[in-house]
Amino acid sequence: MKIVFRFAGVIALSSALCVAQTVTEAGSMGPPACPVAGGGKASAGRSTRPTAEQIKATAEAGAADPSVLMAAEPVPNFGAERFRLADYAQCVGGGGCYWSDLDAQTRRAEAMLDRVIATKKVGEKLAVVLDIDETSLTNYCEMGREDYGYLPGVYEKWLGSPESGMPIEGTLRLFNKARAAGLEVFFITGRADALRKDTERNLGLAGFKGWKGLALRVGAQQHMKTAEYKSEERQKIVNAGYRIVLNMGDQWSDLNGTARGEMSVKLPNPFYYLP
């Protein structure tokens, strides 16, 4: 996927694709409701896995037992970390809520965009650049079904399906704010160009309408480093006479490089890292 922004807010959503983000009893935002069809059986629920507190208690009990020889473990246990990730994504336990953190960051970006809009001059060509995966559309449902791993064939099939047209609502708000103010919005994604038609359809299903451009990797770009590829695409926007006033993504590779946005917004992504 420099000034970094964060946002705060609480919303509840719903759509025909069952992408409603639920509100928990505590009043914080929750994950979208996921259709299981097409993605296999959903991952095990919280009741079938230990809590972070239980994992910690087990380790402490072992460390306190003089008959137990402890091992050096400089790297966190991957299975235990995956439980923590699932809890964070599902907004349960005491580890926070990904959806609230995500929406808080997009609200901060909206506030920064408001300042740009307020000082916009007549005739200026202003642009907003958005990443897609985990920035504009969420793949949470498929990642959960894959137990937060990565199965290329299954994952690519999900990206090409209508079910993946699930918006990140804060980004959709920001998109609509930009368009209403006359700013143009460009999407730059690391997806291959073979997914262009599916991506265009799913952006529309998610409510992103009236965007100016959509860049996907073509030809030699498929072998470029992400930051290099996205820099190249941003430069095309600049060469067309636009000021990129805001660039938002969930990876540092969405933001770094050349032709950077005047404001760069890093969204949280606990699921994967793309250099």
C-alpha atoms as a PDB file:
ATOM      1  CA  MET A   1       0.000   0.000   0.000  1.00  0.00           C
ATOM      2  CA  LYS A   2       4.445  12.009   4.732  1.00  0.00           C
ATOM      3  CA  ILE A   3       1.494  12.982   6.797  1.00  0.00           C
ATOM      4  CA  VAL A   4      -0.452  10.104   8.290  1.00  0.00           C
ATOM      5  CA  PHE A   5      -4.069  10.485   9.373  1.00  0.00           C
ATOM      6  CA  ARG A   6      -6.489   8.620  11.615  1.00  0.00           C
ATOM      7  CA  PHE A   7     -10.217   8.938  12.077  1.00  0.00           C
ATOM      8  CA  ALA A   8     -12.943   8.271  14.680  1.00  0.00           C
ATOM      9  CA  GLY A   9     -16.576   7.250  14.351  1.00  0.00           C
ATOM     10  CA  VAL A  10     -19.351   4.737  14.874  1.00  0.00           C
ATOM     11  CA  ILE A  11     -21.644   3.599  12.045  1.00  0.00           C
ATOM     12  CA  ALA A  12     -23.933   0.713  11.138  1.00  0.00           C
ATOM     13  CA  LEU A  13     -24.473  -0.319   7.553  1.00  0.00           C
ATOM     14  CA  SER A  14     -26.507  -2.768   5.490  1.00  0.00           C
ATOM     15  CA  SER A  15     -26.839  -3.850   1.877  1.00  0.00           C
ATOM     16  CA  ALA A  16     -28.268  -6.550  -0.339  1.00  0.00           C
ATOM     17  CA  LEU A  17     -24.898  -8.300  -0.243  1.00  0.00           C
ATOM     18  CA  CYS A  18     -25.119  -8.587   3.552  1.00  0.00           C
ATOM     19  CA  VAL A  19     -22.230  -6.224   4.082  1.00  0.00           C
ATOM     20  CA  ALA A  20     -23.761  -4.587   7.135  1.00  0.00           C
ATOM     21  CA  GLN A  21     -21.273  -3.689   9.798  1.00  0.00           C
ATOM     22  CA  THR A  22     -22.935  -4.583  13.074  1.00  0.00           C
ATOM     23  CA  VAL A  23     -22.889  -2.562  16.264  1.00  0.00           C
ATOM     24  CA  THR A  24     -21.779  -4.484  19.331  1.00  0.00           C
ATOM     25  CA  GLU A  25     -23.413  -4.271  22.743  1.00  0.00           C
ATOM     26  CA  ALA A  26     -20.617  -1.919  23.816  1.00  0.00           C
ATOM     27  CA  GLY A  27     -21.586   0.429  20.992  1.00  0.00           C
ATOM     28  CA  SER A  28     -18.465  -0.034  18.897  1.00  0.00           C
ATOM     29  CA  MET A  29     -18.417  -1.001  15.245  1.00  0.00           C
ATOM     30  CA  GLY A  30     -18.276  -4.650  14.307  1.00  0.00           C
ATOM     31  CA  PRO A  31     -17.356  -6.721  11.247  1.00  0.00           C
ATOM     32  CA  PRO A  32     -19.611  -7.187   8.215  1.00  0.00           C
ATOM     33  CA  ALA A  33     -21.940 -10.156   8.012  1.00  0.00           C
ATOM     34  CA  CYS A  34     -20.338 -12.625   5.622  1.00  0.00           C
ATOM     35  CA  PRO A  35     -22.034 -14.910   3.121  1.00  0.00           C
ATOM     36  CA  VAL A  36     -20.493 -18.369   3.475  1.00  0.00           C
ATOM     37  CA  ALA A  37     -21.638 -19.569   0.057  1.00  0.00           C
ATOM     38  CA  GLY A  38     -18.784 -19.776  -2.415  1.00  0.00           C
ATOM     39  CA  GLY A  39     -16.064 -19.507   0.155  1.00  0.00           C
ATOM     40  CA  GLY A  40     -16.351 -22.834   1.928  1.00  0.00           C
ATOM     41  CA  LYS A  41     -16.969 -23.318   5.623  1.00  0.00           C
ATOM     42  CA  ALA A  42     -16.353 -20.338   7.856  1.00  0.00           C
ATOM     43  CA  SER A  43     -13.477 -20.481  10.338  1.00  0.00           C
ATOM     44  CA  ALA A  44     -14.076 -21.828  13.809  1.00  0.00           C
ATOM     45  CA  GLY A  45     -15.905 -19.496  16.142  1.00  0.00           C
ATOM     46  CA  ARG A  46     -14.497 -17.893  19.263  1.00  0.00           C
ATOM     47  CA  SER A  47     -16.030 -20.574  21.492  1.00  0.00           C
ATOM     48  CA  THR A  48     -13.761 -23.227  19.935  1.00  0.00           C
ATOM     49  CA  ARG A  49     -10.488 -21.394  20.522  1.00  0.00           C
ATOM     50  CA  PRO A  50      -8.732 -20.146  23.653  1.00  0.00           C
ATOM     51  CA  THR A  51      -8.829 -16.509  24.617  1.00  0.00           C
ATOM     52  CA  ALA A  52      -5.663 -14.419  24.882  1.00  0.00           C
ATOM     53  CA  GLU A  53      -6.089 -14.529  28.665  1.00  0.00           C
ATOM     54  CA  GLN A  54      -6.288 -18.331  28.654  1.00  0.00           C
ATOM     55  CA  ILE A  55      -3.167 -18.625  26.504  1.00  0.00           C
ATOM     56  CA  LYS A  56      -1.282 -16.294  28.842  1.00  0.00           C
ATOM     57  CA  ALA A  57      -2.485 -18.164  31.931  1.00  0.00           C
ATOM     58  CA  THR A  58      -1.346 -21.498  30.500  1.00  0.00           C
ATOM     59  CA  ALA A  59       2.144 -20.127  29.806  1.00  0.00           C
ATOM     60  CA  GLU A  60       2.408 -18.535  33.243  1.00  0.00           C
ATOM     61  CA  ALA A  61       1.338 -21.759  34.929  1.00  0.00           C
ATOM     62  CA  GLY A  62       4.029 -23.665  33.048  1.00  0.00           C
ATOM     63  CA  ALA A  63       6.689 -21.098  33.898  1.00  0.00           C
ATOM     64  CA  ALA A  64       5.789 -21.356  37.598  1.00  0.00           C
ATOM     65  CA  ASP A  65       6.041 -25.159  37.623  1.00  0.00           C
ATOM     66  CA  PRO A  66       9.567 -26.235  38.725  1.00  0.00           C
ATOM     67  CA  SER A  67       9.120 -29.564  36.922  1.00  0.00           C
ATOM     68  CA  VAL A  68       8.754 -27.840  33.552  1.00  0.00           C
ATOM     69  CA  LEU A  69      11.792 -26.937  31.463  1.00  0.00           C
ATOM     70  CA  MET A  70      10.838 -23.829  29.490  1.00  0.00           C
ATOM     71  CA  ALA A  71      11.927 -23.250  25.891  1.00  0.00           C
ATOM     72  CA  ALA A  72      13.301 -20.025  24.478  1.00  0.00           C
ATOM     73  CA  GLU A  73      10.568 -18.574  22.256  1.00  0.00           C
ATOM     74  CA  PRO A  74      11.752 -15.245  20.801  1.00  0.00           C
ATOM     75  CA  VAL A  75       9.033 -15.285  18.124  1.00  0.00           C
ATOM     76  CA  PRO A  76       5.338 -15.202  19.119  1.00  0.00           C
ATOM     77  CA  ASN A  77       3.462 -18.439  18.486  1.00  0.00           C
ATOM     78  CA  PHE A  78       1.785 -18.094  15.098  1.00  0.00           C
ATOM     79  CA  GLY A  79      -1.343 -19.979  16.099  1.00  0.00           C
ATOM     80  CA  ALA A  80      -1.847 -17.858  19.196  1.00  0.00           C
ATOM     81  CA  GLU A  81      -1.263 -14.678  17.199  1.00  0.00           C
ATOM     82  CA  ARG A  82      -3.865 -15.813  14.691  1.00  0.00           C
ATOM     83  CA  PHE A  83      -6.383 -16.180  17.528  1.00  0.00           C
ATOM     84  CA  ARG A  84      -5.592 -12.597  18.568  1.00  0.00           C
ATOM     85  CA  LEU A  85      -6.009 -11.424  14.984  1.00  0.00           C
ATOM     86  CA  ALA A  86      -9.394 -13.130  14.711  1.00  0.00           C
ATOM     87  CA  ASP A  87     -10.538 -11.521  17.972  1.00  0.00           C
ATOM     88  CA  TYR A  88      -9.388  -8.083  16.766  1.00  0.00           C
ATOM     89  CA  ALA A  89     -11.158  -8.556  13.437  1.00  0.00           C
ATOM     90  CA  GLN A  90     -14.336  -9.754  15.166  1.00  0.00           C
ATOM     91  CA  CYS A  91     -14.186  -7.037  17.847  1.00  0.00           C
ATOM     92  CA  VAL A  92     -14.316  -9.471  20.772  1.00  0.00           C
ATOM     93  CA  GLY A  93     -12.117  -9.765  23.825  1.00  0.00           C
ATOM     94  CA  GLY A  94      -9.925  -6.962  25.092  1.00  0.00           C
ATOM     95  CA  GLY A  95      -7.653  -6.518  22.082  1.00  0.00           C
ATOM     96  CA  GLY A  96      -9.554  -3.712  20.359  1.00  0.00           C
ATOM     97  CA  CYS A  97     -11.678  -3.567  17.211  1.00  0.00           C
ATOM     98  CA  TYR A  98     -10.225  -3.331  13.711  1.00  0.00           C
ATOM     99  CA  TRP A  99     -13.397  -1.798  12.256  1.00  0.00           C
ATOM    100  CA  SER A 100     -13.523   1.004  14.789  1.00  0.00           C
ATOM    101  CA  ASP A 101      -9.833   1.755  14.268  1.00  0.00           C
ATOM    102  CA  LEU A 102     -10.320   1.720  10.500  1.00  0.00           C
ATOM    103  CA  ASP A 103     -13.286   4.067  10.633  1.00  0.00           C
ATOM    104  CA  ALA A 104     -11.475   6.374  13.049  1.00  0.00           C
ATOM    105  CA  GLN A 105      -8.657   6.748  10.531  1.00  0.00           C
ATOM    106  CA  THR A 106     -10.961   7.445   7.601  1.00  0.00           C
ATOM    107  CA  ARG A 107     -12.769  10.131   9.597  1.00  0.00           C
ATOM    108  CA  ARG A 108      -9.443  11.867  10.212  1.00  0.00           C
ATOM    109  CA  ALA A 109      -8.783  11.733   6.478  1.00  0.00           C
ATOM    110  CA  GLU A 110     -12.213  13.235   5.812  1.00  0.00           C
ATOM    111  CA  ALA A 111     -11.372  16.117   8.137  1.00  0.00           C
ATOM    112  CA  MET A 112      -8.148  16.764   6.225  1.00  0.00           C
ATOM    113  CA  LEU A 113     -10.047  16.573   2.934  1.00  0.00           C
ATOM    114  CA  ASP A 114     -12.541  19.140   4.247  1.00  0.00           C
ATOM    115  CA  ARG A 115      -9.654  21.602   4.614  1.00  0.00           C
ATOM    116  CA  VAL A 116      -8.590  21.028   1.022  1.00  0.00           C
ATOM    117  CA  ILE A 117     -12.139  21.468  -0.236  1.00  0.00           C
ATOM    118  CA  ALA A 118     -12.542  24.698   1.727  1.00  0.00           C
ATOM    119  CA  THR A 119      -9.515  26.246   0.014  1.00  0.00           C
ATOM    120  CA  LYS A 120     -10.114  24.812  -3.470  1.00  0.00           C
ATOM    121  CA  LYS A 121      -9.719  27.424  -6.196  1.00  0.00           C
ATOM    122  CA  VAL A 122     -11.833  27.661  -9.316  1.00  0.00           C
ATOM    123  CA  GLY A 123     -10.303  25.666 -12.159  1.00  0.00           C
ATOM    124  CA  GLU A 124      -7.940  23.598 -10.004  1.00  0.00           C
ATOM    125  CA  LYS A 125      -7.611  19.962 -11.001  1.00  0.00           C
ATOM    126  CA  LEU A 126      -7.482  18.145  -7.679  1.00  0.00           C
ATOM    127  CA  ALA A 127      -7.245  14.384  -7.366  1.00  0.00           C
ATOM    128  CA  VAL A 128      -7.666  11.757  -4.672  1.00  0.00           C
ATOM    129  CA  VAL A 129      -5.902   8.407  -5.131  1.00  0.00           C
ATOM    130  CA  LEU A 130      -7.247   5.280  -3.433  1.00  0.00           C
ATOM    131  CA  ASP A 131      -5.956   1.740  -3.163  1.00  0.00           C
ATOM    132  CA  ILE A 132      -8.642  -0.956  -3.417  1.00  0.00           C
ATOM    133  CA  ASP A 133      -8.043  -4.060  -1.267  1.00  0.00           C
ATOM    134  CA  GLU A 134      -8.424  -3.301   2.460  1.00  0.00           C
ATOM    135  CA  THR A 135      -8.729   0.385   1.538  1.00  0.00           C
ATOM    136  CA  SER A 136     -11.859   0.701  -0.605  1.00  0.00           C
ATOM    137  CA  LEU A 137     -13.107  -2.904  -0.611  1.00  0.00           C
ATOM    138  CA  THR A 138     -12.686  -5.363   2.239  1.00  0.00           C
ATOM    139  CA  ASN A 139     -11.733  -9.006   1.756  1.00  0.00           C
ATOM    140  CA  TYR A 140     -12.361  -9.775   5.426  1.00  0.00           C
ATOM    141  CA  CYS A 141     -14.899 -12.521   4.714  1.00  0.00           C
ATOM    142  CA  GLU A 142     -12.579 -14.525   2.477  1.00  0.00           C
ATOM    143  CA  MET A 143      -9.548 -13.975   4.718  1.00  0.00           C
ATOM    144  CA  GLY A 144     -11.563 -15.325   7.648  1.00  0.00           C
ATOM    145  CA  ARG A 145     -12.636 -18.379   5.653  1.00  0.00           C
ATOM    146  CA  GLU A 146      -8.986 -19.009   4.837  1.00  0.00           C
ATOM    147  CA  ASP A 147      -8.191 -18.730   8.566  1.00  0.00           C
ATOM    148  CA  TYR A 148      -6.178 -15.578   7.805  1.00  0.00           C
ATOM    149  CA  GLY A 149      -3.792 -17.465   5.580  1.00  0.00           C
ATOM    150  CA  TYR A 150      -3.507 -17.066   1.814  1.00  0.00           C
ATOM    151  CA  LEU A 151      -4.748 -19.605  -0.729  1.00  0.00           C
ATOM    152  CA  PRO A 152      -3.998 -17.990  -4.119  1.00  0.00           C
ATOM    153  CA  GLY A 153      -6.511 -19.857  -6.256  1.00  0.00           C
ATOM    154  CA  VAL A 154      -9.366 -19.492  -3.778  1.00  0.00           C
ATOM    155  CA  TYR A 155      -8.513 -15.878  -3.021  1.00  0.00           C
ATOM    156  CA  GLU A 156      -8.367 -14.868  -6.695  1.00  0.00           C
ATOM    157  CA  LYS A 157     -11.736 -16.534  -7.257  1.00  0.00           C
ATOM    158  CA  TRP A 158     -13.153 -14.415  -4.417  1.00  0.00           C
ATOM    159  CA  LEU A 159     -11.749 -11.211  -5.930  1.00  0.00           C
ATOM    160  CA  GLY A 160     -13.543 -11.979  -9.165  1.00  0.00           C
ATOM    161  CA  SER A 161     -16.885 -12.742  -7.523  1.00  0.00           C
ATOM    162  CA  PRO A 162     -19.740 -10.257  -6.914  1.00  0.00           C
ATOM    163  CA  GLU A 163     -19.606 -11.196  -3.211  1.00  0.00           C
ATOM    164  CA  SER A 164     -16.320  -9.306  -2.917  1.00  0.00           C
ATOM    165  CA  GLY A 165     -17.996  -5.983  -3.725  1.00  0.00           C
ATOM    166  CA  MET A 166     -17.984  -5.137  -0.017  1.00  0.00           C
ATOM    167  CA  PRO A 167     -17.149  -1.486   0.716  1.00  0.00           C
ATOM    168  CA  ILE A 168     -15.115  -0.030   3.515  1.00  0.00           C
ATOM    169  CA  GLU A 169     -17.739   2.502   4.458  1.00  0.00           C
ATOM    170  CA  GLY A 170     -15.379   5.201   5.662  1.00  0.00           C
ATOM    171  CA  THR A 171     -13.621   5.205   2.322  1.00  0.00           C
ATOM    172  CA  LEU A 172     -16.943   5.329   0.513  1.00  0.00           C
ATOM    173  CA  ARG A 173     -17.886   8.385   2.578  1.00  0.00           C
ATOM    174  CA  LEU A 174     -14.602  10.051   1.691  1.00  0.00           C
ATOM    175  CA  PHE A 175     -15.053   9.142  -1.980  1.00  0.00           C
ATOM    176  CA  ASN A 176     -18.517  10.697  -2.077  1.00  0.00           C
ATOM    177  CA  LYS A 177     -17.299  13.805  -0.273  1.00  0.00           C
ATOM    178  CA  ALA A 178     -14.513  14.251  -2.827  1.00  0.00           C
ATOM    179  CA  ARG A 179     -16.806  13.734  -5.803  1.00  0.00           C
ATOM    180  CA  ALA A 180     -19.450  16.113  -4.429  1.00  0.00           C
ATOM    181  CA  ALA A 181     -16.757  18.801  -4.152  1.00  0.00           C
ATOM    182  CA  GLY A 182     -15.606  18.296  -7.746  1.00  0.00           C
ATOM    183  CA  LEU A 183     -12.418  16.363  -7.015  1.00  0.00           C
ATOM    184  CA  GLU A 184     -11.547  13.452  -9.284  1.00  0.00           C
ATOM    185  CA  VAL A 185     -10.860  10.026  -7.764  1.00  0.00           C
ATOM    186  CA  PHE A 186      -8.377   7.529  -9.183  1.00  0.00           C
ATOM    187  CA  PHE A 187      -8.002   3.927  -8.024  1.00  0.00           C
ATOM    188  CA  ILE A 188      -4.552   2.330  -8.221  1.00  0.00           C
ATOM    189  CA  THR A 189      -4.518  -1.348  -7.260  1.00  0.00           C
ATOM    190  CA  GLY A 190      -1.907  -4.081  -7.313  1.00  0.00           C
ATOM    191  CA  ARG A 191      -4.409  -6.454  -8.893  1.00  0.00           C
ATOM    192  CA  ALA A 192      -3.630  -7.851 -12.339  1.00  0.00           C
ATOM    193  CA  ASP A 193      -5.424  -6.339 -15.319  1.00  0.00           C
ATOM    194  CA  ALA A 194      -7.195  -9.665 -15.888  1.00  0.00           C
ATOM    195  CA  LEU A 195      -9.472  -8.646 -12.995  1.00  0.00           C
ATOM    196  CA  ARG A 196     -10.418  -5.290 -14.545  1.00  0.00           C
ATOM    197  CA  LYS A 197     -14.033  -6.066 -15.462  1.00  0.00           C
ATOM    198  CA  ASP A 198     -14.702  -7.804 -12.156  1.00  0.00           C
ATOM    199  CA  THR A 199     -13.086  -4.940 -10.250  1.00  0.00           C
ATOM    200  CA  GLU A 200     -15.115  -2.311 -12.110  1.00  0.00           C
ATOM    201  CA  ARG A 201     -18.311  -4.236 -11.389  1.00  0.00           C
ATOM    202  CA  ASN A 202     -17.504  -4.703  -7.713  1.00  0.00           C
ATOM    203  CA  LEU A 203     -16.598  -1.057  -7.186  1.00  0.00           C
ATOM    204  CA  GLY A 204     -20.015  -0.218  -8.596  1.00  0.00           C
ATOM    205  CA  LEU A 205     -21.757  -2.796  -6.403  1.00  0.00           C
ATOM    206  CA  ALA A 206     -19.998  -1.279  -3.387  1.00  0.00           C
ATOM    207  CA  GLY A 207     -21.282   2.189  -4.287  1.00  0.00           C
ATOM    208  CA  PHE A 208     -18.171   3.767  -5.831  1.00  0.00           C
ATOM    209  CA  LYS A 209     -19.611   5.575  -8.830  1.00  0.00           C
ATOM    210  CA  GLY A 210     -18.178   8.371 -10.943  1.00  0.00           C
ATOM    211  CA  TRP A 211     -14.463   7.704 -10.494  1.00  0.00           C
ATOM    212  CA  LYS A 212     -12.015   9.066 -13.034  1.00  0.00           C
ATOM    213  CA  GLY A 213      -9.494   6.261 -13.479  1.00  0.00           C
ATOM    214  CA  LEU A 214      -8.668   2.686 -12.510  1.00  0.00           C
ATOM    215  CA  ALA A 215      -5.105   1.355 -12.811  1.00  0.00           C
ATOM    216  CA  LEU A 216      -4.302  -2.357 -12.598  1.00  0.00           C
ATOM    217  CA  ARG A 217      -0.953  -3.996 -13.315  1.00  0.00           C
ATOM    218  CA  VAL A 218      -0.341  -4.603 -17.009  1.00  0.00           C
ATOM    219  CA  GLY A 219       2.654  -6.020 -18.870  1.00  0.00           C
ATOM    220  CA  ALA A 220       5.991  -5.301 -17.202  1.00  0.00           C
ATOM    221  CA  GLN A 221       4.205  -3.706 -14.237  1.00  0.00           C
ATOM    222  CA  GLN A 222       3.367  -7.181 -12.984  1.00  0.00           C
ATOM    223  CA  HIS A 223       7.045  -7.638 -12.113  1.00  0.00           C
ATOM    224  CA  MET A 224       7.618  -4.213 -10.558  1.00  0.00           C
ATOM    225  CA  LYS A 225       7.875  -3.547  -6.859  1.00  0.00           C
ATOM    226  CA  THR A 226       4.570  -2.164  -5.633  1.00  0.00           C
ATOM    227  CA  ALA A 227       5.907   1.274  -4.688  1.00  0.00           C
ATOM    228  CA  GLU A 228       7.568   1.606  -8.098  1.00  0.00           C
ATOM    229  CA  TYR A 229       4.413   0.582  -9.968  1.00  0.00           C
ATOM    230  CA  LYS A 230       2.164   2.894  -7.967  1.00  0.00           C
ATOM    231  CA  SER A 231       4.617   5.770  -8.341  1.00  0.00           C
ATOM    232  CA  GLU A 232       4.500   5.291 -12.095  1.00  0.00           C
ATOM    233  CA  GLU A 233       0.710   5.410 -12.112  1.00  0.00           C
ATOM    234  CA  ARG A 234       0.565   8.458  -9.842  1.00  0.00           C
ATOM    235  CA  GLN A 235       3.008  10.241 -12.140  1.00  0.00           C
ATOM    236  CA  LYS A 236       0.562   9.741 -15.011  1.00  0.00           C
ATOM    237  CA  ILE A 237      -2.071  11.555 -12.962  1.00  0.00           C
ATOM    238  CA  VAL A 238       0.327  14.406 -12.225  1.00  0.00           C
ATOM    239  CA  ASN A 239       1.327  14.579 -15.895  1.00  0.00           C
ATOM    240  CA  ALA A 240      -2.357  15.010 -16.746  1.00  0.00           C
ATOM    241  CA  GLY A 241      -2.328  18.241 -14.759  1.00  0.00           C
ATOM    242  CA  TYR A 242      -3.734  17.075 -11.428  1.00  0.00           C
ATOM    243  CA  ARG A 243      -2.589  17.841  -7.888  1.00  0.00           C
ATOM    244  CA  ILE A 244      -2.832  14.672  -5.833  1.00  0.00           C
ATOM    245  CA  VAL A 245      -4.103  16.173  -2.615  1.00  0.00           C
ATOM    246  CA  LEU A 246      -4.731  12.868  -0.839  1.00  0.00           C
ATOM    247  CA  ASN A 247      -3.456   9.327  -1.336  1.00  0.00           C
ATOM    248  CA  MET A 248      -4.862   6.560   0.891  1.00  0.00           C
ATOM    249  CA  GLY A 249      -3.821   2.942   1.264  1.00  0.00           C
ATOM    250  CA  ASP A 250      -3.388   0.156   3.802  1.00  0.00           C
ATOM    251  CA  GLN A 251       0.251  -0.620   2.878  1.00  0.00           C
ATOM    252  CA  TRP A 252       3.310   1.626   3.014  1.00  0.00           C
ATOM    253  CA  SER A 253       3.991   0.561  -0.572  1.00  0.00           C
ATOM    254  CA  ASP A 254       0.695   2.273  -1.523  1.00  0.00           C
ATOM    255  CA  LEU A 255       2.073   5.591  -0.308  1.00  0.00           C
ATOM    256  CA  ASN A 256       5.844   5.638  -0.729  1.00  0.00           C
ATOM    257  CA  GLY A 257       7.863   6.454  -3.817  1.00  0.00           C
ATOM    258  CA  THR A 258       7.553   9.426  -6.150  1.00  0.00           C
ATOM    259  CA  ALA A 259       4.615  11.628  -7.159  1.00  0.00           C
ATOM    260  CA  ARG A 260       3.388  11.224  -3.623  1.00  0.00           C
ATOM    261  CA  GLY A 261       0.142  12.687  -2.389  1.00  0.00           C
ATOM    262  CA  GLU A 262       0.273  15.997  -0.560  1.00  0.00           C
ATOM    263  CA  MET A 263      -1.422  14.058   2.227  1.00  0.00           C
ATOM    264  CA  SER A 264      -0.713  10.349   2.633  1.00  0.00           C
ATOM    265  CA  VAL A 265      -3.161   8.328   4.700  1.00  0.00           C
ATOM    266  CA  LYS A 266      -2.052   4.965   6.098  1.00  0.00           C
ATOM    267  CA  LEU A 267      -4.969   2.722   7.057  1.00  0.00           C
ATOM    268  CA  PRO A 268      -4.532  -0.126   9.548  1.00  0.00           C
ATOM    269  CA  ASN A 269      -4.137  -3.627   8.125  1.00  0.00           C
ATOM    270  CA  PRO A 270      -3.353  -6.434  10.593  1.00  0.00           C
ATOM    271  CA  PHE A 271      -3.938  -9.175   8.009  1.00  0.00           C
ATOM    272  CA  TYR A 272      -0.988  -9.028   5.605  1.00  0.00           C
ATOM    273  CA  TYR A 273       2.046  -6.993   4.557  1.00  0.00           C
ATOM    274  CA  LEU A 274       2.988  -6.148   0.973  1.00  0.00           C
ATOM    275  CA  PRO A 275       6.455  -4.629   0.458  1.00  0.00           C
END
